Amino acid sequence: MQGETGVGKEEVVKALHQASHRAHQPLVAINCAALPDELVEAELFGYRRGAFTGADPAGREGRLIEANGGRLFLDEIGDMPLHVQARLLRVLQEREVTPLGGGKPQRVDFELVAATHQPLSELVKAGHFRADLYYRLCGASIALPPLRDRQDMAGLSHALLTRLCREQQRELPRITPDFLNRLMQHDWPGNVRELDNVLRLALALCDGPSLEACHVMLSGDLPPLHDLSSAEELQSALDALGGNVSRLARELGISRTTLYKRLGAA
């Protein structure tokens, strides 16, 4: 699966999993880019007691074992170290997992879905991704378009807002044309993830029956501090800025310490 960061790759995988014959089995998701290189192998394959310095004395079952019977989603697989790629290929070929530190191999049965924002074919040419693993993964390919190229902004926004209102146990406000127009004017570099954060903040700011253009707060477009009075509103603003506490504090003209206190307020 190919697509820019934030286009919703994991959501697509969740939908595919729920529609499959393995829906009642585990869906295990791992972001390879979020793990230090030295921990990726232990996270995937598990390890025995004393396998390396700092290991859990009891050992640990790897994520491949957790996915047994279900589906494994490896996001940003292009960031996986080469030596781990070799071990993963061996598992896919032999359907057995051997933890770090040795031990009896364990049989596994899972379906693998891999995703990346990088062109794997180019990584193969550059020697950064194993060709044999690349061809093993290329049985079927799905390309997810960036949000700026999609034509369903109205439908997507409605679906996301409906889900958010269900989570928050509130009625869905009326979505005005001005609100949608404001969304359509943005180029969405953070894709669907950014849109989700902006819609969360819009709902937090909306205290009437309708979502208006003034409720759309994009990066660098935050309202004054007095308009963000509750911890929920501040958290929504923080989400809209990708979790950047320093930037939110700067935008609001307060210290990080003050912001942390306000975020922690009930």
C-alpha atoms as a PDB file:
ATOM      1  CA  MET A   1       0.000   0.000   0.000  1.00  0.00           C
ATOM      2  CA  GLN A   2       1.438   3.338  -1.078  1.00  0.00           C
ATOM      3  CA  GLY A   3       0.494   6.813   0.106  1.00  0.00           C
ATOM      4  CA  GLU A   4       1.710   9.975   1.752  1.00  0.00           C
ATOM      5  CA  THR A   5       1.849  10.246   5.513  1.00  0.00           C
ATOM      6  CA  GLY A   6      -1.610  10.809   6.968  1.00  0.00           C
ATOM      7  CA  VAL A   7      -3.693   9.606   3.990  1.00  0.00           C
ATOM      8  CA  GLY A   8      -5.410   6.979   6.129  1.00  0.00           C
ATOM      9  CA  LYS A   9      -3.493   3.800   5.346  1.00  0.00           C
ATOM     10  CA  GLU A  10      -4.226   2.237   8.734  1.00  0.00           C
ATOM     11  CA  GLU A  11      -7.943   3.059   8.425  1.00  0.00           C
ATOM     12  CA  VAL A  12      -8.040   1.264   5.076  1.00  0.00           C
ATOM     13  CA  VAL A  13      -6.306  -1.752   6.594  1.00  0.00           C
ATOM     14  CA  LYS A  14      -8.827  -1.790   9.461  1.00  0.00           C
ATOM     15  CA  ALA A  15     -11.695  -1.738   6.960  1.00  0.00           C
ATOM     16  CA  LEU A  16     -10.135  -4.530   4.901  1.00  0.00           C
ATOM     17  CA  HIS A  17      -9.596  -6.577   8.044  1.00  0.00           C
ATOM     18  CA  GLN A  18     -13.192  -6.137   9.225  1.00  0.00           C
ATOM     19  CA  ALA A  19     -14.463  -7.228   5.805  1.00  0.00           C
ATOM     20  CA  SER A  20     -12.261 -10.343   5.681  1.00  0.00           C
ATOM     21  CA  HIS A  21     -12.639 -13.908   6.969  1.00  0.00           C
ATOM     22  CA  ARG A  22     -10.064 -13.013   9.671  1.00  0.00           C
ATOM     23  CA  ALA A  23     -12.180 -10.222  11.119  1.00  0.00           C
ATOM     24  CA  HIS A  24     -12.505 -11.955  14.492  1.00  0.00           C
ATOM     25  CA  GLN A  25      -8.766 -12.562  14.715  1.00  0.00           C
ATOM     26  CA  PRO A  26      -6.092 -10.042  15.809  1.00  0.00           C
ATOM     27  CA  LEU A  27      -5.053  -7.070  13.722  1.00  0.00           C
ATOM     28  CA  VAL A  28      -1.558  -6.099  14.880  1.00  0.00           C
ATOM     29  CA  ALA A  29      -0.197  -2.776  13.587  1.00  0.00           C
ATOM     30  CA  ILE A  30       3.423  -1.635  13.837  1.00  0.00           C
ATOM     31  CA  ASN A  31       4.927   1.626  12.587  1.00  0.00           C
ATOM     32  CA  CYS A  32       8.483   0.665  11.608  1.00  0.00           C
ATOM     33  CA  ALA A  33       9.535   4.320  11.444  1.00  0.00           C
ATOM     34  CA  ALA A  34       8.525   4.905  15.068  1.00  0.00           C
ATOM     35  CA  LEU A  35      10.884   2.258  16.488  1.00  0.00           C
ATOM     36  CA  PRO A  36      14.650   2.644  16.934  1.00  0.00           C
ATOM     37  CA  ASP A  37      16.564   0.304  14.612  1.00  0.00           C
ATOM     38  CA  GLU A  38      17.947  -1.675  17.536  1.00  0.00           C
ATOM     39  CA  LEU A  39      14.426  -2.437  18.850  1.00  0.00           C
ATOM     40  CA  VAL A  40      12.600  -3.335  15.631  1.00  0.00           C
ATOM     41  CA  GLU A  41      13.886  -6.919  15.618  1.00  0.00           C
ATOM     42  CA  ALA A  42      13.005  -7.564  19.265  1.00  0.00           C
ATOM     43  CA  GLU A  43       9.553  -5.984  18.800  1.00  0.00           C
ATOM     44  CA  LEU A  44       8.727  -8.148  15.805  1.00  0.00           C
ATOM     45  CA  PHE A  45      10.255 -11.493  16.694  1.00  0.00           C
ATOM     46  CA  GLY A  46      10.328 -11.368  20.486  1.00  0.00           C
ATOM     47  CA  TYR A  47      13.246 -12.516  22.604  1.00  0.00           C
ATOM     48  CA  ARG A  48      14.317 -14.983  25.238  1.00  0.00           C
ATOM     49  CA  ARG A  49      15.597 -14.151  28.689  1.00  0.00           C
ATOM     50  CA  GLY A  50      19.047 -12.532  28.532  1.00  0.00           C
ATOM     51  CA  ALA A  51      18.938 -12.039  24.748  1.00  0.00           C
ATOM     52  CA  PHE A  52      20.423  -8.552  25.069  1.00  0.00           C
ATOM     53  CA  THR A  53      21.311  -5.942  27.659  1.00  0.00           C
ATOM     54  CA  GLY A  54      18.228  -4.300  29.110  1.00  0.00           C
ATOM     55  CA  ALA A  55      15.865  -7.057  27.971  1.00  0.00           C
ATOM     56  CA  ASP A  56      12.905  -8.014  30.134  1.00  0.00           C
ATOM     57  CA  PRO A  57      14.145 -10.849  32.371  1.00  0.00           C
ATOM     58  CA  ALA A  58      11.061 -12.862  31.541  1.00  0.00           C
ATOM     59  CA  GLY A  59      11.530 -12.442  27.785  1.00  0.00           C
ATOM     60  CA  ARG A  60       8.790 -11.210  25.522  1.00  0.00           C
ATOM     61  CA  GLU A  61       6.508 -12.565  22.839  1.00  0.00           C
ATOM     62  CA  GLY A  62       6.957 -10.760  19.531  1.00  0.00           C
ATOM     63  CA  ARG A  63       4.285  -9.014  17.492  1.00  0.00           C
ATOM     64  CA  LEU A  64       4.439 -11.711  14.810  1.00  0.00           C
ATOM     65  CA  ILE A  65       3.245 -14.240  17.385  1.00  0.00           C
ATOM     66  CA  GLU A  66       0.522 -11.821  18.508  1.00  0.00           C
ATOM     67  CA  ALA A  67      -0.718 -11.640  14.904  1.00  0.00           C
ATOM     68  CA  ASN A  68      -1.009 -15.424  14.635  1.00  0.00           C
ATOM     69  CA  GLY A  69      -4.315 -16.333  13.034  1.00  0.00           C
ATOM     70  CA  GLY A  70      -5.000 -12.746  12.024  1.00  0.00           C
ATOM     71  CA  ARG A  71      -3.330  -9.946  10.128  1.00  0.00           C
ATOM     72  CA  LEU A  72      -0.076  -8.016  10.560  1.00  0.00           C
ATOM     73  CA  PHE A  73       0.139  -4.422   9.325  1.00  0.00           C
ATOM     74  CA  LEU A  74       3.662  -3.060   8.893  1.00  0.00           C
ATOM     75  CA  ASP A  75       3.419   0.673   8.287  1.00  0.00           C
ATOM     76  CA  GLU A  76       6.422   2.523   6.823  1.00  0.00           C
ATOM     77  CA  ILE A  77       8.120  -0.755   5.960  1.00  0.00           C
ATOM     78  CA  GLY A  78      10.638   1.203   3.887  1.00  0.00           C
ATOM     79  CA  ASP A  79      12.257   2.236   7.173  1.00  0.00           C
ATOM     80  CA  MET A  80      12.852  -1.350   8.278  1.00  0.00           C
ATOM     81  CA  PRO A  81      16.596  -2.159   8.659  1.00  0.00           C
ATOM     82  CA  LEU A  82      18.015  -4.552   6.061  1.00  0.00           C
ATOM     83  CA  HIS A  83      18.933  -7.292   8.536  1.00  0.00           C
ATOM     84  CA  VAL A  84      15.362  -7.273   9.890  1.00  0.00           C
ATOM     85  CA  GLN A  85      14.031  -7.470   6.335  1.00  0.00           C
ATOM     86  CA  ALA A  86      16.036 -10.682   5.898  1.00  0.00           C
ATOM     87  CA  ARG A  87      14.517 -12.229   9.032  1.00  0.00           C
ATOM     88  CA  LEU A  88      11.011 -11.163   8.022  1.00  0.00           C
ATOM     89  CA  LEU A  89      11.446 -12.752   4.587  1.00  0.00           C
ATOM     90  CA  ARG A  90      12.517 -15.994   6.235  1.00  0.00           C
ATOM     91  CA  VAL A  91       9.369 -15.958   8.390  1.00  0.00           C
ATOM     92  CA  LEU A  92       7.168 -15.357   5.359  1.00  0.00           C
ATOM     93  CA  GLN A  93       8.817 -18.272   3.534  1.00  0.00           C
ATOM     94  CA  GLU A  94       8.964 -20.794   6.397  1.00  0.00           C
ATOM     95  CA  ARG A  95       5.974 -19.622   8.464  1.00  0.00           C
ATOM     96  CA  GLU A  96       8.038 -19.999  11.618  1.00  0.00           C
ATOM     97  CA  VAL A  97       9.284 -17.428  14.117  1.00  0.00           C
ATOM     98  CA  THR A  98      12.425 -17.887  16.193  1.00  0.00           C
ATOM     99  CA  PRO A  99      12.859 -15.307  18.972  1.00  0.00           C
ATOM    100  CA  LEU A 100      16.122 -13.489  19.614  1.00  0.00           C
ATOM    101  CA  GLY A 101      18.349 -15.546  21.851  1.00  0.00           C
ATOM    102  CA  GLY A 102      17.268 -18.828  20.285  1.00  0.00           C
ATOM    103  CA  GLY A 103      14.659 -21.333  21.279  1.00  0.00           C
ATOM    104  CA  LYS A 104      12.177 -23.560  19.500  1.00  0.00           C
ATOM    105  CA  PRO A 105      10.644 -21.990  16.368  1.00  0.00           C
ATOM    106  CA  GLN A 106       6.909 -21.362  16.603  1.00  0.00           C
ATOM    107  CA  ARG A 107       4.535 -21.834  13.692  1.00  0.00           C
ATOM    108  CA  VAL A 108       2.598 -18.739  12.654  1.00  0.00           C
ATOM    109  CA  ASP A 109      -0.225 -18.060  10.243  1.00  0.00           C
ATOM    110  CA  PHE A 110      -0.987 -14.439   9.438  1.00  0.00           C
ATOM    111  CA  GLU A 111      -1.699 -12.243   6.449  1.00  0.00           C
ATOM    112  CA  LEU A 112       0.711  -9.374   5.935  1.00  0.00           C
ATOM    113  CA  VAL A 113      -0.180  -5.883   4.737  1.00  0.00           C
ATOM    114  CA  ALA A 114       2.692  -3.437   4.290  1.00  0.00           C
ATOM    115  CA  ALA A 115       2.528   0.290   3.639  1.00  0.00           C
ATOM    116  CA  THR A 116       4.976   3.089   2.923  1.00  0.00           C
ATOM    117  CA  HIS A 117       5.146   6.687   1.737  1.00  0.00           C
ATOM    118  CA  GLN A 118       8.414   5.897  -0.050  1.00  0.00           C
ATOM    119  CA  PRO A 119       8.859   4.402  -3.561  1.00  0.00           C
ATOM    120  CA  LEU A 120      10.095   0.921  -2.638  1.00  0.00           C
ATOM    121  CA  SER A 121      11.300   0.225  -6.180  1.00  0.00           C
ATOM    122  CA  GLU A 122      13.681   3.156  -5.881  1.00  0.00           C
ATOM    123  CA  LEU A 123      14.860   1.938  -2.479  1.00  0.00           C
ATOM    124  CA  VAL A 124      15.580  -1.456  -4.048  1.00  0.00           C
ATOM    125  CA  LYS A 125      17.702   0.151  -6.765  1.00  0.00           C
ATOM    126  CA  ALA A 126      19.601   2.129  -4.141  1.00  0.00           C
ATOM    127  CA  GLY A 127      20.272  -1.011  -2.099  1.00  0.00           C
ATOM    128  CA  HIS A 128      18.186   0.134   0.873  1.00  0.00           C
ATOM    129  CA  PHE A 129      15.440  -2.480   0.499  1.00  0.00           C
ATOM    130  CA  ARG A 130      15.778  -6.168  -0.332  1.00  0.00           C
ATOM    131  CA  ALA A 131      14.563  -7.050  -3.818  1.00  0.00           C
ATOM    132  CA  ASP A 132      13.400 -10.510  -2.739  1.00  0.00           C
ATOM    133  CA  LEU A 133      11.221  -9.043   0.026  1.00  0.00           C
ATOM    134  CA  TYR A 134       9.936  -6.349  -2.336  1.00  0.00           C
ATOM    135  CA  TYR A 135       8.705  -8.933  -4.847  1.00  0.00           C
ATOM    136  CA  ARG A 136       7.250 -11.028  -2.044  1.00  0.00           C
ATOM    137  CA  LEU A 137       5.145  -8.037  -0.938  1.00  0.00           C
ATOM    138  CA  CYS A 138       3.968  -6.987  -4.405  1.00  0.00           C
ATOM    139  CA  GLY A 139       1.116  -9.450  -4.826  1.00  0.00           C
ATOM    140  CA  ALA A 140      -1.434  -6.629  -4.848  1.00  0.00           C
ATOM    141  CA  SER A 141      -0.826  -2.892  -4.610  1.00  0.00           C
ATOM    142  CA  ILE A 142      -3.124  -0.080  -3.505  1.00  0.00           C
ATOM    143  CA  ALA A 143      -2.235   3.578  -4.036  1.00  0.00           C
ATOM    144  CA  LEU A 144      -4.060   6.019  -1.767  1.00  0.00           C
ATOM    145  CA  PRO A 145      -4.282   9.562  -3.173  1.00  0.00           C
ATOM    146  CA  PRO A 146      -3.372  12.613  -1.076  1.00  0.00           C
ATOM    147  CA  LEU A 147      -6.328  14.554   0.258  1.00  0.00           C
ATOM    148  CA  ARG A 148      -5.622  17.506  -2.048  1.00  0.00           C
ATOM    149  CA  ASP A 149      -6.354  15.256  -5.051  1.00  0.00           C
ATOM    150  CA  ARG A 150      -9.587  13.785  -3.722  1.00  0.00           C
ATOM    151  CA  GLN A 151     -12.987  14.984  -4.910  1.00  0.00           C
ATOM    152  CA  ASP A 152     -15.015  13.817  -1.921  1.00  0.00           C
ATOM    153  CA  MET A 153     -14.200  16.469   0.693  1.00  0.00           C
ATOM    154  CA  ALA A 154     -17.868  17.000   1.572  1.00  0.00           C
ATOM    155  CA  GLY A 155     -18.624  13.299   2.007  1.00  0.00           C
ATOM    156  CA  LEU A 156     -15.384  12.587   3.842  1.00  0.00           C
ATOM    157  CA  SER A 157     -15.861  15.515   6.223  1.00  0.00           C
ATOM    158  CA  HIS A 158     -19.429  14.439   6.952  1.00  0.00           C
ATOM    159  CA  ALA A 159     -18.295  10.876   7.668  1.00  0.00           C
ATOM    160  CA  LEU A 160     -15.490  12.016   9.983  1.00  0.00           C
ATOM    161  CA  LEU A 161     -17.739  14.482  11.801  1.00  0.00           C
ATOM    162  CA  THR A 162     -20.413  11.827  12.239  1.00  0.00           C
ATOM    163  CA  ARG A 163     -17.870   9.485  13.794  1.00  0.00           C
ATOM    164  CA  LEU A 164     -16.475  12.206  16.056  1.00  0.00           C
ATOM    165  CA  CYS A 165     -19.948  13.228  17.247  1.00  0.00           C
ATOM    166  CA  ARG A 166     -20.754   9.598  17.969  1.00  0.00           C
ATOM    167  CA  GLU A 167     -17.556   9.322  20.046  1.00  0.00           C
ATOM    168  CA  GLN A 168     -18.427  12.535  21.907  1.00  0.00           C
ATOM    169  CA  GLN A 169     -22.097  11.551  22.283  1.00  0.00           C
ATOM    170  CA  ARG A 170     -23.362  14.788  20.791  1.00  0.00           C
ATOM    171  CA  GLU A 171     -25.610  15.719  17.899  1.00  0.00           C
ATOM    172  CA  LEU A 172     -24.000  16.471  14.562  1.00  0.00           C
ATOM    173  CA  PRO A 173     -24.182  20.252  13.897  1.00  0.00           C
ATOM    174  CA  ARG A 174     -25.383  21.468  10.521  1.00  0.00           C
ATOM    175  CA  ILE A 175     -22.467  21.659   8.082  1.00  0.00           C
ATOM    176  CA  THR A 176     -22.729  24.988   6.261  1.00  0.00           C
ATOM    177  CA  PRO A 177     -21.457  25.639   2.710  1.00  0.00           C
ATOM    178  CA  ASP A 178     -19.032  28.265   4.072  1.00  0.00           C
ATOM    179  CA  PHE A 179     -17.544  25.654   6.401  1.00  0.00           C
ATOM    180  CA  LEU A 180     -16.968  23.243   3.502  1.00  0.00           C
ATOM    181  CA  ASN A 181     -15.574  25.993   1.272  1.00  0.00           C
ATOM    182  CA  ARG A 182     -13.044  26.875   3.949  1.00  0.00           C
ATOM    183  CA  LEU A 183     -11.939  23.240   4.086  1.00  0.00           C
ATOM    184  CA  MET A 184     -11.632  23.021   0.314  1.00  0.00           C
ATOM    185  CA  GLN A 185      -9.360  26.069   0.132  1.00  0.00           C
ATOM    186  CA  HIS A 186      -6.633  24.324   2.143  1.00  0.00           C
ATOM    187  CA  ASP A 187      -4.027  22.055   0.497  1.00  0.00           C
ATOM    188  CA  TRP A 188      -3.878  19.616   3.453  1.00  0.00           C
ATOM    189  CA  PRO A 189      -0.195  18.664   3.662  1.00  0.00           C
ATOM    190  CA  GLY A 190      -1.075  16.395   6.616  1.00  0.00           C
ATOM    191  CA  ASN A 191      -3.839  14.715   4.612  1.00  0.00           C
ATOM    192  CA  VAL A 192      -6.738  12.929   6.368  1.00  0.00           C
ATOM    193  CA  ARG A 193      -4.954  12.950   9.734  1.00  0.00           C
ATOM    194  CA  GLU A 194      -4.752  16.749   9.576  1.00  0.00           C
ATOM    195  CA  LEU A 195      -8.401  16.997   8.510  1.00  0.00           C
ATOM    196  CA  ASP A 196      -9.458  14.812  11.437  1.00  0.00           C
ATOM    197  CA  ASN A 197      -7.610  17.099  13.873  1.00  0.00           C
ATOM    198  CA  VAL A 198      -9.104  20.252  12.335  1.00  0.00           C
ATOM    199  CA  LEU A 199     -12.613  18.802  12.555  1.00  0.00           C
ATOM    200  CA  ARG A 200     -12.072  17.855  16.214  1.00  0.00           C
ATOM    201  CA  LEU A 201     -11.099  21.443  16.967  1.00  0.00           C
ATOM    202  CA  ALA A 202     -14.058  22.783  14.949  1.00  0.00           C
ATOM    203  CA  LEU A 203     -16.473  20.736  17.051  1.00  0.00           C
ATOM    204  CA  ALA A 204     -14.805  21.969  20.236  1.00  0.00           C
ATOM    205  CA  LEU A 205     -15.234  25.577  19.117  1.00  0.00           C
ATOM    206  CA  CYS A 206     -18.814  25.149  17.885  1.00  0.00           C
ATOM    207  CA  ASP A 207     -21.332  26.029  20.596  1.00  0.00           C
ATOM    208  CA  GLY A 208     -24.300  26.532  18.273  1.00  0.00           C
ATOM    209  CA  PRO A 209     -26.356  24.483  15.825  1.00  0.00           C
ATOM    210  CA  SER A 210     -24.062  24.998  12.806  1.00  0.00           C
ATOM    211  CA  LEU A 211     -20.439  24.565  11.819  1.00  0.00           C
ATOM    212  CA  GLU A 212     -19.309  27.830  10.221  1.00  0.00           C
ATOM    213  CA  ALA A 213     -16.140  28.913   8.419  1.00  0.00           C
ATOM    214  CA  CYS A 214     -14.906  30.617  11.594  1.00  0.00           C
ATOM    215  CA  HIS A 215     -14.709  27.212  13.281  1.00  0.00           C
ATOM    216  CA  VAL A 216     -12.038  25.992  10.839  1.00  0.00           C
ATOM    217  CA  MET A 217      -8.695  26.651  12.535  1.00  0.00           C
ATOM    218  CA  LEU A 218      -5.665  25.634  10.506  1.00  0.00           C
ATOM    219  CA  SER A 219      -2.008  25.677  11.545  1.00  0.00           C
ATOM    220  CA  GLY A 220      -1.039  29.190  12.572  1.00  0.00           C
ATOM    221  CA  ASP A 221      -4.705  30.142  12.564  1.00  0.00           C
ATOM    222  CA  LEU A 222      -5.617  29.540  16.197  1.00  0.00           C
ATOM    223  CA  PRO A 223      -8.169  31.650  18.040  1.00  0.00           C
ATOM    224  CA  PRO A 224      -7.255  33.900  20.987  1.00  0.00           C
ATOM    225  CA  LEU A 225      -6.623  32.322  24.371  1.00  0.00           C
ATOM    226  CA  HIS A 226      -9.952  33.387  25.815  1.00  0.00           C
ATOM    227  CA  ASP A 227     -11.710  31.336  23.116  1.00  0.00           C
ATOM    228  CA  LEU A 228      -9.860  28.200  24.210  1.00  0.00           C
ATOM    229  CA  SER A 229     -10.984  28.001  27.806  1.00  0.00           C
ATOM    230  CA  SER A 230     -11.472  24.289  28.421  1.00  0.00           C
ATOM    231  CA  ALA A 231      -8.911  21.504  28.563  1.00  0.00           C
ATOM    232  CA  GLU A 232     -10.800  19.739  25.753  1.00  0.00           C
ATOM    233  CA  GLU A 233     -10.541  22.773  23.467  1.00  0.00           C
ATOM    234  CA  LEU A 234      -6.843  23.170  24.221  1.00  0.00           C
ATOM    235  CA  GLN A 235      -6.243  19.484  23.528  1.00  0.00           C
ATOM    236  CA  SER A 236      -8.069  19.794  20.209  1.00  0.00           C
ATOM    237  CA  ALA A 237      -5.881  22.780  19.321  1.00  0.00           C
ATOM    238  CA  LEU A 238      -2.805  20.777  20.274  1.00  0.00           C
ATOM    239  CA  ASP A 239      -3.947  17.903  18.059  1.00  0.00           C
ATOM    240  CA  ALA A 240      -4.466  20.348  15.184  1.00  0.00           C
ATOM    241  CA  LEU A 241      -0.806  21.368  15.532  1.00  0.00           C
ATOM    242  CA  GLY A 242       0.428  17.802  15.511  1.00  0.00           C
ATOM    243  CA  GLY A 243       1.097  17.726  19.258  1.00  0.00           C
ATOM    244  CA  ASN A 244       3.576  20.621  19.159  1.00  0.00           C
ATOM    245  CA  VAL A 245       3.249  21.987  22.713  1.00  0.00           C
ATOM    246  CA  SER A 246       5.832  24.732  22.208  1.00  0.00           C
ATOM    247  CA  ARG A 247       4.043  26.094  19.161  1.00  0.00           C
ATOM    248  CA  LEU A 248       0.629  26.090  20.813  1.00  0.00           C
ATOM    249  CA  ALA A 249       2.034  27.900  23.856  1.00  0.00           C
ATOM    250  CA  ARG A 250       3.672  30.449  21.565  1.00  0.00           C
ATOM    251  CA  GLU A 251       0.476  30.934  19.539  1.00  0.00           C
ATOM    252  CA  LEU A 252      -1.515  31.491  22.734  1.00  0.00           C
ATOM    253  CA  GLY A 253       1.098  33.717  24.345  1.00  0.00           C
ATOM    254  CA  ILE A 254       1.554  31.586  27.459  1.00  0.00           C
ATOM    255  CA  SER A 255       4.368  29.466  28.887  1.00  0.00           C
ATOM    256  CA  ARG A 256       4.612  25.718  28.353  1.00  0.00           C
ATOM    257  CA  THR A 257       4.132  25.248  32.106  1.00  0.00           C
ATOM    258  CA  THR A 258       0.874  27.216  32.035  1.00  0.00           C
ATOM    259  CA  LEU A 259      -0.312  25.267  28.991  1.00  0.00           C
ATOM    260  CA  TYR A 260       0.423  21.937  30.682  1.00  0.00           C
ATOM    261  CA  LYS A 261      -1.576  23.066  33.715  1.00  0.00           C
ATOM    262  CA  ARG A 262      -4.522  24.094  31.535  1.00  0.00           C
ATOM    263  CA  LEU A 263      -4.374  20.805  29.606  1.00  0.00           C
ATOM    264  CA  GLY A 264      -4.485  18.930  32.886  1.00  0.00           C
ATOM    265  CA  ALA A 265      -7.452  20.885  34.211  1.00  0.00           C
ATOM    266  CA  ALA A 266     -10.676  18.950  34.497  1.00  0.00           C
END
